[in-house]
Each structure stands twice: as C-alpha cells, then as structure tokens.
Amino acid sequence: MEKLISRCVENKRAGYRPVILTPESRVIAARQMADNVGMSEQISVQAAETFIGNNIEEIAIYDGDKIREGLARLIRTYNSRIGAIEIDKSLMIDEPRWVVNILGGN
C-alpha cells in the first residue's frame, strides 16, 4: 500500500485528483496511510463496493436492461479470468440465476 500512496502523492503533484478504490475492509488502513504522509485531505479513499454499486445504480436509471446485461457480462468475465489464473477458485462469484437467464449457460 505504501507504493500506492507514493503514486497518489506523485499524481497530486502532477495536478491530478488521486482516488483510491479499495475493499471496504481496507478503507481505514488506506486513510491512515494517506494521513501518515499528510495527504488525508487530498487523497479520496472509497470502498470499491460502494463506488461500483453507486455507479451501476446511476447508470441503470438510463437503461436497466443494458445495465443488467453489462453486469452479467462483468460477472462472467471476472469468473473466467479467476478460473484461468487464480489457484483459489473461491474468489469466483456465484452466478445468480438472472445472469444465466441473460447470458445462457457457461
């Protein structure tokens, strides 16, 4: 995480607005790391789950069917990548029935 914070500091100096998206369980640690370098007010730290969920809801307002299909494809692609490269298959997302209904079986 130290390398990430260093990158955020570099990005801030370059005029960018650094944002860290991290699992909810690591938000506090990321905020503490930002605080340790005096950048807690300049580095935004958000839970990835919340960020992604909010964006999906926002986009869904425009076209719910396309969003469901996109989310289904995201889940399927994620699982495919995990299946191909990860030893720990428990990282895969159990496909809800609606994903199978939209995309068909594997």
PDB file of N, CA and C in Angstrom:
ATOM      1  N   MET A   1       0.827  -1.193   0.000  1.00  0.00           N
ATOM      2  CA  MET A   1       0.000   0.000   0.000  1.00  0.00           C
ATOM      3  C   MET A   1       0.871   1.256   0.000  1.00  0.00           C
ATOM      4  N   GLU A   2       2.096   1.141   0.497  1.00  0.00           N
ATOM      5  CA  GLU A   2       2.978   2.310   0.521  1.00  0.00           C
ATOM      6  C   GLU A   2       3.276   2.808  -0.894  1.00  0.00           C
ATOM      7  N   LYS A   3       3.462   1.872  -1.825  1.00  0.00           N
ATOM      8  CA  LYS A   3       3.719   2.259  -3.211  1.00  0.00           C
ATOM      9  C   LYS A   3       2.503   2.990  -3.786  1.00  0.00           C
ATOM     10  N   LEU A   4       1.319   2.530  -3.425  1.00  0.00           N
ATOM     11  CA  LEU A   4       0.084   3.177  -3.882  1.00  0.00           C
ATOM     12  C   LEU A   4       0.009   4.613  -3.376  1.00  0.00           C
ATOM     13  N   ILE A   5       0.306   4.812  -2.110  1.00  0.00           N
ATOM     14  CA  ILE A   5       0.264   6.162  -1.533  1.00  0.00           C
ATOM     15  C   ILE A   5       1.315   7.049  -2.204  1.00  0.00           C
ATOM     16  N   SER A   6       2.500   6.500  -2.450  1.00  0.00           N
ATOM     17  CA  SER A   6       3.536   7.277  -3.150  1.00  0.00           C
ATOM     18  C   SER A   6       3.055   7.705  -4.528  1.00  0.00           C
ATOM     19  N   ARG A   7       2.376   6.800  -5.198  1.00  0.00           N
ATOM     20  CA  ARG A   7       1.838   7.121  -6.532  1.00  0.00           C
ATOM     21  C   ARG A   7       0.781   8.221  -6.432  1.00  0.00           C
ATOM     22  N   CYS A   8      -0.049   8.151  -5.395  1.00  0.00           N
ATOM     23  CA  CYS A   8      -1.066   9.193  -5.191  1.00  0.00           C
ATOM     24  C   CYS A   8      -0.415  10.556  -4.966  1.00  0.00           C
ATOM     25  N   VAL A   9       0.649  10.577  -4.181  1.00  0.00           N
ATOM     26  CA  VAL A   9       1.369  11.832  -3.927  1.00  0.00           C
ATOM     27  C   VAL A   9       1.932  12.374  -5.242  1.00  0.00           C
ATOM     28  N   GLU A  10       2.540  11.496  -6.049  1.00  0.00           N
ATOM     29  CA  GLU A  10       3.068  11.915  -7.353  1.00  0.00           C
ATOM     30  C   GLU A  10       1.953  12.463  -8.243  1.00  0.00           C
ATOM     31  N   ASN A  11       0.832  11.770  -8.263  1.00  0.00           N
ATOM     32  CA  ASN A  11      -0.292  12.209  -9.098  1.00  0.00           C
ATOM     33  C   ASN A  11      -0.836  13.557  -8.636  1.00  0.00           C
ATOM     34  N   LYS A  12      -0.899  13.763  -7.333  1.00  0.00           N
ATOM     35  CA  LYS A  12      -1.380  15.043  -6.803  1.00  0.00           C
ATOM     36  C   LYS A  12      -0.438  16.166  -7.232  1.00  0.00           C
ATOM     37  N   ARG A  13       0.852  15.920  -7.141  1.00  0.00           N
ATOM     38  CA  ARG A  13       1.840  16.930  -7.551  1.00  0.00           C
ATOM     39  C   ARG A  13       1.747  17.232  -9.041  1.00  0.00           C
ATOM     40  N   ALA A  14       1.309  16.239  -9.812  1.00  0.00           N
ATOM     41  CA  ALA A  14       1.164  16.417 -11.266  1.00  0.00           C
ATOM     42  C   ALA A  14      -0.170  17.066 -11.631  1.00  0.00           C
ATOM     43  N   GLY A  15      -0.969  17.404 -10.609  1.00  0.00           N
ATOM     44  CA  GLY A  15      -2.217  18.103 -10.864  1.00  0.00           C
ATOM     45  C   GLY A  15      -3.449  17.222 -10.960  1.00  0.00           C
ATOM     46  N   TYR A  16      -3.299  15.939 -10.649  1.00  0.00           N
ATOM     47  CA  TYR A  16      -4.445  15.031 -10.695  1.00  0.00           C
ATOM     48  C   TYR A  16      -5.117  14.944  -9.328  1.00  0.00           C
ATOM     49  N   ARG A  17      -6.323  14.411  -9.322  1.00  0.00           N
ATOM     50  CA  ARG A  17      -7.069  14.199  -8.081  1.00  0.00           C
ATOM     51  C   ARG A  17      -7.020  12.705  -7.750  1.00  0.00           C
ATOM     52  N   PRO A  18      -6.122  12.280  -6.864  1.00  0.00           N
ATOM     53  CA  PRO A  18      -5.987  10.854  -6.590  1.00  0.00           C
ATOM     54  C   PRO A  18      -7.181  10.277  -5.834  1.00  0.00           C
ATOM     55  N   VAL A  19      -7.614   9.117  -6.293  1.00  0.00           N
ATOM     56  CA  VAL A  19      -8.714   8.389  -5.665  1.00  0.00           C
ATOM     57  C   VAL A  19      -8.261   6.948  -5.488  1.00  0.00           C
ATOM     58  N   ILE A  20      -8.416   6.435  -4.286  1.00  0.00           N
ATOM     59  CA  ILE A  20      -8.109   5.032  -4.015  1.00  0.00           C
ATOM     60  C   ILE A  20      -9.425   4.284  -3.868  1.00  0.00           C
ATOM     61  N   LEU A  21      -9.617   3.256  -4.688  1.00  0.00           N
ATOM     62  CA  LEU A  21     -10.748   2.348  -4.553  1.00  0.00           C
ATOM     63  C   LEU A  21     -10.201   1.061  -3.960  1.00  0.00           C
ATOM     64  N   THR A  22     -10.716   0.685  -2.819  1.00  0.00           N
ATOM     65  CA  THR A  22     -10.187  -0.471  -2.102  1.00  0.00           C
ATOM     66  C   THR A  22     -11.335  -1.230  -1.456  1.00  0.00           C
ATOM     67  N   PRO A  23     -11.133  -2.503  -1.140  1.00  0.00           N
ATOM     68  CA  PRO A  23     -12.198  -3.218  -0.432  1.00  0.00           C
ATOM     69  C   PRO A  23     -12.558  -2.497   0.869  1.00  0.00           C
ATOM     70  N   GLU A  24     -13.805  -2.595   1.250  1.00  0.00           N
ATOM     71  CA  GLU A  24     -14.302  -1.941   2.469  1.00  0.00           C
ATOM     72  C   GLU A  24     -13.401  -2.238   3.667  1.00  0.00           C
ATOM     73  N   SER A  25     -12.902  -3.455   3.756  1.00  0.00           N
ATOM     74  CA  SER A  25     -12.077  -3.858   4.898  1.00  0.00           C
ATOM     75  C   SER A  25     -10.737  -3.120   4.960  1.00  0.00           C
ATOM     76  N   ARG A  26     -10.353  -2.437   3.888  1.00  0.00           N
ATOM     77  CA  ARG A  26      -9.056  -1.752   3.864  1.00  0.00           C
ATOM     78  C   ARG A  26      -9.174  -0.228   3.788  1.00  0.00           C
ATOM     79  N   VAL A  27     -10.381   0.285   3.843  1.00  0.00           N
ATOM     80  CA  VAL A  27     -10.587   1.734   3.749  1.00  0.00           C
ATOM     81  C   VAL A  27      -9.875   2.463   4.882  1.00  0.00           C
ATOM     82  N   ILE A  28     -10.036   1.986   6.099  1.00  0.00           N
ATOM     83  CA  ILE A  28      -9.419   2.660   7.249  1.00  0.00           C
ATOM     84  C   ILE A  28      -7.902   2.666   7.112  1.00  0.00           C
ATOM     85  N   ALA A  29      -7.325   1.540   6.707  1.00  0.00           N
ATOM     86  CA  ALA A  29      -5.866   1.467   6.537  1.00  0.00           C
ATOM     87  C   ALA A  29      -5.396   2.447   5.465  1.00  0.00           C
ATOM     88  N   ALA A  30      -6.122   2.531   4.360  1.00  0.00           N
ATOM     89  CA  ALA A  30      -5.742   3.449   3.280  1.00  0.00           C
ATOM     90  C   ALA A  30      -5.820   4.899   3.750  1.00  0.00           C
ATOM     91  N   ARG A  31      -6.852   5.220   4.506  1.00  0.00           N
ATOM     92  CA  ARG A  31      -6.975   6.592   5.032  1.00  0.00           C
ATOM     93  C   ARG A  31      -5.836   6.914   5.992  1.00  0.00           C
ATOM     94  N   GLN A  32      -5.461   5.931   6.817  1.00  0.00           N
ATOM     95  CA  GLN A  32      -4.351   6.147   7.751  1.00  0.00           C
ATOM     96  C   GLN A  32      -3.040   6.356   7.001  1.00  0.00           C
ATOM     97  N   MET A  33      -2.837   5.587   5.933  1.00  0.00           N
ATOM     98  CA  MET A  33      -1.621   5.751   5.138  1.00  0.00           C
ATOM     99  C   MET A  33      -1.579   7.149   4.508  1.00  0.00           C
ATOM    100  N   ALA A  34      -2.717   7.607   4.000  1.00  0.00           N
ATOM    101  CA  ALA A  34      -2.779   8.953   3.422  1.00  0.00           C
ATOM    102  C   ALA A  34      -2.497  10.000   4.496  1.00  0.00           C
ATOM    103  N   ASP A  35      -3.023   9.778   5.687  1.00  0.00           N
ATOM    104  CA  ASP A  35      -2.800  10.703   6.796  1.00  0.00           C
ATOM    105  C   ASP A  35      -1.327  10.723   7.203  1.00  0.00           C
ATOM    106  N   ASN A  36      -0.681   9.567   7.136  1.00  0.00           N
ATOM    107  CA  ASN A  36       0.736   9.476   7.517  1.00  0.00           C
ATOM    108  C   ASN A  36       1.639  10.345   6.646  1.00  0.00           C
ATOM    109  N   VAL A  37       1.222  10.589   5.407  1.00  0.00           N
ATOM    110  CA  VAL A  37       2.024  11.444   4.522  1.00  0.00           C
ATOM    111  C   VAL A  37       1.421  12.847   4.407  1.00  0.00           C
ATOM    112  N   GLY A  38       0.474  13.154   5.295  1.00  0.00           N
ATOM    113  CA  GLY A  38      -0.125  14.483   5.316  1.00  0.00           C
ATOM    114  C   GLY A  38      -1.030  14.780   4.138  1.00  0.00           C
ATOM    115  N   MET A  39      -1.605  13.737   3.545  1.00  0.00           N
ATOM    116  CA  MET A  39      -2.426  13.916   2.342  1.00  0.00           C
ATOM    117  C   MET A  39      -3.868  13.446   2.542  1.00  0.00           C
ATOM    118  N   SER A  40      -4.305  13.326   3.776  1.00  0.00           N
ATOM    119  CA  SER A  40      -5.646  12.784   4.017  1.00  0.00           C
ATOM    120  C   SER A  40      -6.747  13.647   3.406  1.00  0.00           C
ATOM    121  N   GLU A  41      -6.481  14.929   3.238  1.00  0.00           N
ATOM    122  CA  GLU A  41      -7.481  15.815   2.636  1.00  0.00           C
ATOM    123  C   GLU A  41      -7.378  15.854   1.111  1.00  0.00           C
ATOM    124  N   GLN A  42      -6.262  15.398   0.570  1.00  0.00           N
ATOM    125  CA  GLN A  42      -6.056  15.463  -0.876  1.00  0.00           C
ATOM    126  C   GLN A  42      -6.285  14.129  -1.591  1.00  0.00           C
ATOM    127  N   ILE A  43      -6.258  13.026  -0.848  1.00  0.00           N
ATOM    128  CA  ILE A  43      -6.465  11.701  -1.435  1.00  0.00           C
ATOM    129  C   ILE A  43      -7.836  11.197  -1.008  1.00  0.00           C
ATOM    130  N   SER A  44      -8.675  10.921  -1.983  1.00  0.00           N
ATOM    131  CA  SER A  44     -10.002  10.381  -1.700  1.00  0.00           C
ATOM    132  C   SER A  44      -9.898   8.862  -1.594  1.00  0.00           C
ATOM    133  N   VAL A  45     -10.458   8.306  -0.526  1.00  0.00           N
ATOM    134  CA  VAL A  45     -10.463   6.852  -0.330  1.00  0.00           C
ATOM    135  C   VAL A  45     -11.913   6.398  -0.279  1.00  0.00           C
ATOM    136  N   GLN A  46     -12.253   5.454  -1.146  1.00  0.00           N
ATOM    137  CA  GLN A  46     -13.628   4.957  -1.210  1.00  0.00           C
ATOM    138  C   GLN A  46     -13.631   3.440  -1.260  1.00  0.00           C
ATOM    139  N   ALA A  47     -14.657   2.857  -0.662  1.00  0.00           N
ATOM    140  CA  ALA A  47     -14.845   1.409  -0.762  1.00  0.00           C
ATOM    141  C   ALA A  47     -15.254   1.078  -2.195  1.00  0.00           C
ATOM    142  N   ALA A  48     -14.552   0.141  -2.798  1.00  0.00           N
ATOM    143  CA  ALA A  48     -14.840  -0.234  -4.186  1.00  0.00           C
ATOM    144  C   ALA A  48     -16.278  -0.713  -4.334  1.00  0.00           C
ATOM    145  N   GLU A  49     -16.758  -1.466  -3.347  1.00  0.00           N
ATOM    146  CA  GLU A  49     -18.123  -1.992  -3.421  1.00  0.00           C
ATOM    147  C   GLU A  49     -19.151  -0.870  -3.521  1.00  0.00           C
ATOM    148  N   THR A  50     -18.957   0.170  -2.724  1.00  0.00           N
ATOM    149  CA  THR A  50     -19.877   1.301  -2.729  1.00  0.00           C
ATOM    150  C   THR A  50     -19.770   2.077  -4.034  1.00  0.00           C
ATOM    151  N   PHE A  51     -18.550   2.338  -4.463  1.00  0.00           N
ATOM    152  CA  PHE A  51     -18.322   3.082  -5.700  1.00  0.00           C
ATOM    153  C   PHE A  51     -18.961   2.375  -6.888  1.00  0.00           C
ATOM    154  N   ILE A  52     -18.693   1.084  -7.015  1.00  0.00           N
ATOM    155  CA  ILE A  52     -19.234   0.317  -8.137  1.00  0.00           C
ATOM    156  C   ILE A  52     -20.753   0.247  -8.058  1.00  0.00           C
ATOM    157  N   GLY A  53     -21.274  -0.029  -6.868  1.00  0.00           N
ATOM    158  CA  GLY A  53     -22.728  -0.103  -6.693  1.00  0.00           C
ATOM    159  C   GLY A  53     -23.417   1.198  -7.049  1.00  0.00           C
ATOM    160  N   ASN A  54     -22.865   2.310  -6.590  1.00  0.00           N
ATOM    161  CA  ASN A  54     -23.460   3.613  -6.897  1.00  0.00           C
ATOM    162  C   ASN A  54     -23.449   3.898  -8.389  1.00  0.00           C
ATOM    163  N   ASN A  55     -22.351   3.551  -9.042  1.00  0.00           N
ATOM    164  CA  ASN A  55     -22.267   3.786 -10.480  1.00  0.00           C
ATOM    165  C   ASN A  55     -23.237   2.908 -11.252  1.00  0.00           C
ATOM    166  N   ILE A  56     -23.387   1.671 -10.835  1.00  0.00           N
ATOM    167  CA  ILE A  56     -24.341   0.785 -11.501  1.00  0.00           C
ATOM    168  C   ILE A  56     -25.758   1.320 -11.345  1.00  0.00           C
ATOM    169  N   GLU A  57     -26.100   1.763 -10.135  1.00  0.00           N
ATOM    170  CA  GLU A  57     -27.437   2.324  -9.909  1.00  0.00           C
ATOM    171  C   GLU A  57     -27.653   3.576 -10.749  1.00  0.00           C
ATOM    172  N   GLU A  58     -26.650   4.417 -10.819  1.00  0.00           N
ATOM    173  CA  GLU A  58     -26.765   5.658 -11.590  1.00  0.00           C
ATOM    174  C   GLU A  58     -26.961   5.367 -13.073  1.00  0.00           C
ATOM    175  N   ILE A  59     -26.184   4.438 -13.584  1.00  0.00           N
ATOM    176  CA  ILE A  59     -26.301   4.084 -14.997  1.00  0.00           C
ATOM    177  C   ILE A  59     -27.626   3.389 -15.271  1.00  0.00           C
ATOM    178  N   ALA A  60     -28.092   2.594 -14.322  1.00  0.00           N
ATOM    179  CA  ALA A  60     -29.326   1.826 -14.503  1.00  0.00           C
ATOM    180  C   ALA A  60     -30.539   2.722 -14.720  1.00  0.00           C
ATOM    181  N   ILE A  61     -30.457   3.935 -14.251  1.00  0.00           N
ATOM    182  CA  ILE A  61     -31.556   4.878 -14.455  1.00  0.00           C
ATOM    183  C   ILE A  61     -31.790   5.079 -15.948  1.00  0.00           C
ATOM    184  N   TYR A  62     -30.722   5.008 -16.724  1.00  0.00           N
ATOM    185  CA  TYR A  62     -30.822   5.283 -18.148  1.00  0.00           C
ATOM    186  C   TYR A  62     -31.347   4.101 -18.951  1.00  0.00           C
ATOM    187  N   ASP A  63     -30.871   2.886 -18.665  1.00  0.00           N
ATOM    188  CA  ASP A  63     -31.337   1.718 -19.405  1.00  0.00           C
ATOM    189  C   ASP A  63     -31.066   0.466 -18.584  1.00  0.00           C
ATOM    190  N   GLY A  64     -32.048   0.076 -17.801  1.00  0.00           N
ATOM    191  CA  GLY A  64     -31.907  -1.052 -16.888  1.00  0.00           C
ATOM    192  C   GLY A  64     -31.534  -2.352 -17.565  1.00  0.00           C
ATOM    193  N   ASP A  65     -32.105  -2.641 -18.745  1.00  0.00           N
ATOM    194  CA  ASP A  65     -31.805  -3.902 -19.427  1.00  0.00           C
ATOM    195  C   ASP A  65     -30.344  -3.974 -19.858  1.00  0.00           C
ATOM    196  N   LYS A  66     -29.827  -2.875 -20.381  1.00  0.00           N
ATOM    197  CA  LYS A  66     -28.422  -2.864 -20.801  1.00  0.00           C
ATOM    198  C   LYS A  66     -27.497  -2.975 -19.595  1.00  0.00           C
ATOM    199  N   ILE A  67     -27.895  -2.370 -18.490  1.00  0.00           N
ATOM    200  CA  ILE A  67     -27.078  -2.442 -17.286  1.00  0.00           C
ATOM    201  C   ILE A  67     -27.033  -3.866 -16.771  1.00  0.00           C
ATOM    202  N   ARG A  68     -28.177  -4.528 -16.725  1.00  0.00           N
ATOM    203  CA  ARG A  68     -28.203  -5.918 -16.260  1.00  0.00           C
ATOM    204  C   ARG A  68     -27.334  -6.797 -17.150  1.00  0.00           C
ATOM    205  N   GLU A  69     -27.422  -6.588 -18.448  1.00  0.00           N
ATOM    206  CA  GLU A  69     -26.598  -7.376 -19.364  1.00  0.00           C
ATOM    207  C   GLU A  69     -25.112  -7.069 -19.150  1.00  0.00           C
ATOM    208  N   GLY A  70     -24.782  -5.789 -18.989  1.00  0.00           N
ATOM    209  CA  GLY A  70     -23.393  -5.412 -18.748  1.00  0.00           C
ATOM    210  C   GLY A  70     -22.862  -5.989 -17.449  1.00  0.00           C
ATOM    211  N   LEU A  71     -23.681  -5.951 -16.413  1.00  0.00           N
ATOM    212  CA  LEU A  71     -23.271  -6.511 -15.132  1.00  0.00           C
ATOM    213  C   LEU A  71     -23.107  -8.022 -15.243  1.00  0.00           C
ATOM    214  N   ALA A  72     -24.017  -8.669 -15.964  1.00  0.00           N
ATOM    215  CA  ALA A  72     -23.910 -10.116 -16.171  1.00  0.00           C
ATOM    216  C   ALA A  72     -22.607 -10.450 -16.892  1.00  0.00           C
ATOM    217  N   ARG A  73     -22.271  -9.668 -17.910  1.00  0.00           N
ATOM    218  CA  ARG A  73     -21.019  -9.899 -18.644  1.00  0.00           C
ATOM    219  C   ARG A  73     -19.795  -9.640 -17.757  1.00  0.00           C
ATOM    220  N   LEU A  74     -19.892  -8.625 -16.905  1.00  0.00           N
ATOM    221  CA  LEU A  74     -18.804  -8.331 -15.980  1.00  0.00           C
ATOM    222  C   LEU A  74     -18.566  -9.514 -15.042  1.00  0.00           C
ATOM    223  N   ILE A  75     -19.634 -10.051 -14.476  1.00  0.00           N
ATOM    224  CA  ILE A  75     -19.517 -11.207 -13.582  1.00  0.00           C
ATOM    225  C   ILE A  75     -18.927 -12.397 -14.328  1.00  0.00           C
ATOM    226  N   ARG A  76     -19.427 -12.652 -15.524  1.00  0.00           N
ATOM    227  CA  ARG A  76     -18.954 -13.796 -16.315  1.00  0.00           C
ATOM    228  C   ARG A  76     -17.474 -13.622 -16.678  1.00  0.00           C
ATOM    229  N   THR A  77     -17.081 -12.422 -17.091  1.00  0.00           N
ATOM    230  CA  THR A  77     -15.684 -12.163 -17.448  1.00  0.00           C
ATOM    231  C   THR A  77     -14.771 -12.300 -16.234  1.00  0.00           C
ATOM    232  N   TYR A  78     -15.213 -11.736 -15.116  1.00  0.00           N
ATOM    233  CA  TYR A  78     -14.439 -11.846 -13.870  1.00  0.00           C
ATOM    234  C   TYR A  78     -14.206 -13.316 -13.532  1.00  0.00           C
ATOM    235  N   ASN A  79     -15.276 -14.110 -13.551  1.00  0.00           N
ATOM    236  CA  ASN A  79     -15.149 -15.529 -13.223  1.00  0.00           C
ATOM    237  C   ASN A  79     -14.238 -16.255 -14.203  1.00  0.00           C
ATOM    238  N   SER A  80     -14.322 -15.895 -15.461  1.00  0.00           N
ATOM    239  CA  SER A  80     -13.466 -16.509 -16.470  1.00  0.00           C
ATOM    240  C   SER A  80     -11.997 -16.220 -16.180  1.00  0.00           C
ATOM    241  N   ARG A  81     -11.704 -14.997 -15.820  1.00  0.00           N
ATOM    242  CA  ARG A  81     -10.319 -14.624 -15.519  1.00  0.00           C
ATOM    243  C   ARG A  81      -9.823 -15.303 -14.252  1.00  0.00           C
ATOM    244  N   ILE A  82     -10.678 -15.340 -13.235  1.00  0.00           N
ATOM    245  CA  ILE A  82     -10.302 -16.030 -11.996  1.00  0.00           C
ATOM    246  C   ILE A  82     -10.058 -17.504 -12.289  1.00  0.00           C
ATOM    247  N   GLY A  83     -10.950 -18.112 -13.088  1.00  0.00           N
ATOM    248  CA  GLY A  83     -10.802 -19.516 -13.443  1.00  0.00           C
ATOM    249  C   GLY A  83      -9.510 -19.801 -14.185  1.00  0.00           C
ATOM    250  N   ALA A  84      -9.056 -18.848 -14.969  1.00  0.00           N
ATOM    251  CA  ALA A  84      -7.859 -19.048 -15.784  1.00  0.00           C
ATOM    252  C   ALA A  84      -6.554 -18.826 -15.023  1.00  0.00           C
ATOM    253  N   ILE A  85      -6.559 -17.917 -14.037  1.00  0.00           N
ATOM    254  CA  ILE A  85      -5.270 -17.547 -13.438  1.00  0.00           C
ATOM    255  C   ILE A  85      -5.146 -17.752 -11.937  1.00  0.00           C
ATOM    256  N   GLU A  86      -6.255 -17.888 -11.231  1.00  0.00           N
ATOM    257  CA  GLU A  86      -6.180 -17.985  -9.776  1.00  0.00           C
ATOM    258  C   GLU A  86      -6.177 -19.431  -9.305  1.00  0.00           C
ATOM    259  N   ILE A  87      -5.405 -19.695  -8.289  1.00  0.00           N
ATOM    260  CA  ILE A  87      -5.426 -21.009  -7.654  1.00  0.00           C
ATOM    261  C   ILE A  87      -6.665 -21.120  -6.774  1.00  0.00           C
ATOM    262  N   ASP A  88      -7.003 -20.031  -6.085  1.00  0.00           N
ATOM    263  CA  ASP A  88      -8.133 -20.016  -5.153  1.00  0.00           C
ATOM    264  C   ASP A  88      -9.429 -19.717  -5.901  1.00  0.00           C
ATOM    265  N   LYS A  89     -10.140 -20.752  -6.278  1.00  0.00           N
ATOM    266  CA  LYS A  89     -11.388 -20.595  -7.042  1.00  0.00           C
ATOM    267  C   LYS A  89     -12.524 -20.038  -6.183  1.00  0.00           C
ATOM    268  N   SER A  90     -12.320 -19.956  -4.864  1.00  0.00           N
ATOM    269  CA  SER A  90     -13.360 -19.370  -4.008  1.00  0.00           C
ATOM    270  C   SER A  90     -13.517 -17.876  -4.274  1.00  0.00           C
ATOM    271  N   LEU A  91     -12.588 -17.283  -5.020  1.00  0.00           N
ATOM    272  CA  LEU A  91     -12.691 -15.868  -5.385  1.00  0.00           C
ATOM    273  C   LEU A  91     -13.752 -15.627  -6.458  1.00  0.00           C
ATOM    274  N   MET A  92     -14.218 -16.714  -7.072  1.00  0.00           N
ATOM    275  CA  MET A  92     -15.235 -16.572  -8.120  1.00  0.00           C
ATOM    276  C   MET A  92     -16.574 -16.161  -7.508  1.00  0.00           C
ATOM    277  N   ILE A  93     -17.370 -15.454  -8.289  1.00  0.00           N
ATOM    278  CA  ILE A  93     -18.707 -15.026  -7.875  1.00  0.00           C
ATOM    279  C   ILE A  93     -19.697 -16.098  -8.305  1.00  0.00           C
ATOM    280  N   ASP A  94     -20.528 -16.555  -7.366  1.00  0.00           N
ATOM    281  CA  ASP A  94     -21.590 -17.490  -7.735  1.00  0.00           C
ATOM    282  C   ASP A  94     -22.565 -16.744  -8.633  1.00  0.00           C
ATOM    283  N   GLU A  95     -22.740 -17.250  -9.847  1.00  0.00           N
ATOM    284  CA  GLU A  95     -23.627 -16.570 -10.792  1.00  0.00           C
ATOM    285  C   GLU A  95     -25.079 -16.709 -10.351  1.00  0.00           C
ATOM    286  N   PRO A  96     -25.742 -15.579 -10.145  1.00  0.00           N
ATOM    287  CA  PRO A  96     -27.170 -15.643  -9.840  1.00  0.00           C
ATOM    288  C   PRO A  96     -27.937 -16.177 -11.054  1.00  0.00           C
ATOM    289  N   ARG A  97     -29.107 -16.678 -10.837  1.00  0.00           N
ATOM    290  CA  ARG A  97     -29.934 -17.250 -11.892  1.00  0.00           C
ATOM    291  C   ARG A  97     -30.166 -16.235 -13.012  1.00  0.00           C
ATOM    292  N   TRP A  98     -30.322 -14.952 -12.666  1.00  0.00           N
ATOM    293  CA  TRP A  98     -30.601 -13.950 -13.698  1.00  0.00           C
ATOM    294  C   TRP A  98     -29.436 -13.794 -14.668  1.00  0.00           C
ATOM    295  N   VAL A  99     -28.196 -14.040 -14.197  1.00  0.00           N
ATOM    296  CA  VAL A  99     -27.045 -13.971 -15.097  1.00  0.00           C
ATOM    297  C   VAL A  99     -27.148 -15.076 -16.140  1.00  0.00           C
ATOM    298  N   VAL A 100     -27.463 -16.284 -15.689  1.00  0.00           N
ATOM    299  CA  VAL A 100     -27.620 -17.417 -16.605  1.00  0.00           C
ATOM    300  C   VAL A 100     -28.778 -17.157 -17.567  1.00  0.00           C
ATOM    301  N   ASN A 101     -29.854 -16.562 -17.065  1.00  0.00           N
ATOM    302  CA  ASN A 101     -31.005 -16.253 -17.923  1.00  0.00           C
ATOM    303  C   ASN A 101     -30.643 -15.259 -19.021  1.00  0.00           C
ATOM    304  N   ILE A 102     -29.809 -14.294 -18.698  1.00  0.00           N
ATOM    305  CA  ILE A 102     -29.427 -13.270 -19.672  1.00  0.00           C
ATOM    306  C   ILE A 102     -28.396 -13.798 -20.663  1.00  0.00           C
ATOM    307  N   LEU A 103     -27.372 -14.488 -20.152  1.00  0.00           N
ATOM    308  CA  LEU A 103     -26.243 -14.888 -20.993  1.00  0.00           C
ATOM    309  C   LEU A 103     -26.261 -16.354 -21.406  1.00  0.00           C
ATOM    310  N   GLY A 104     -27.125 -17.132 -20.799  1.00  0.00           N
ATOM    311  CA  GLY A 104     -27.126 -18.564 -21.071  1.00  0.00           C
ATOM    312  C   GLY A 104     -26.104 -19.267 -20.199  1.00  0.00           C
ATOM    313  N   GLY A 105     -26.049 -20.574 -20.297  1.00  0.00           N
ATOM    314  CA  GLY A 105     -25.104 -21.370 -19.505  1.00  0.00           C
ATOM    315  C   GLY A 105     -23.685 -21.147 -19.964  1.00  0.00           C
ATOM    316  N   ASN A 106     -22.737 -21.603 -19.135  1.00  0.00           N
ATOM    317  CA  ASN A 106     -21.312 -21.421 -19.467  1.00  0.00           C
ATOM    318  C   ASN A 106     -20.969 -22.106 -20.706  1.00  0.00           C
TER     319      ASN A 106
END
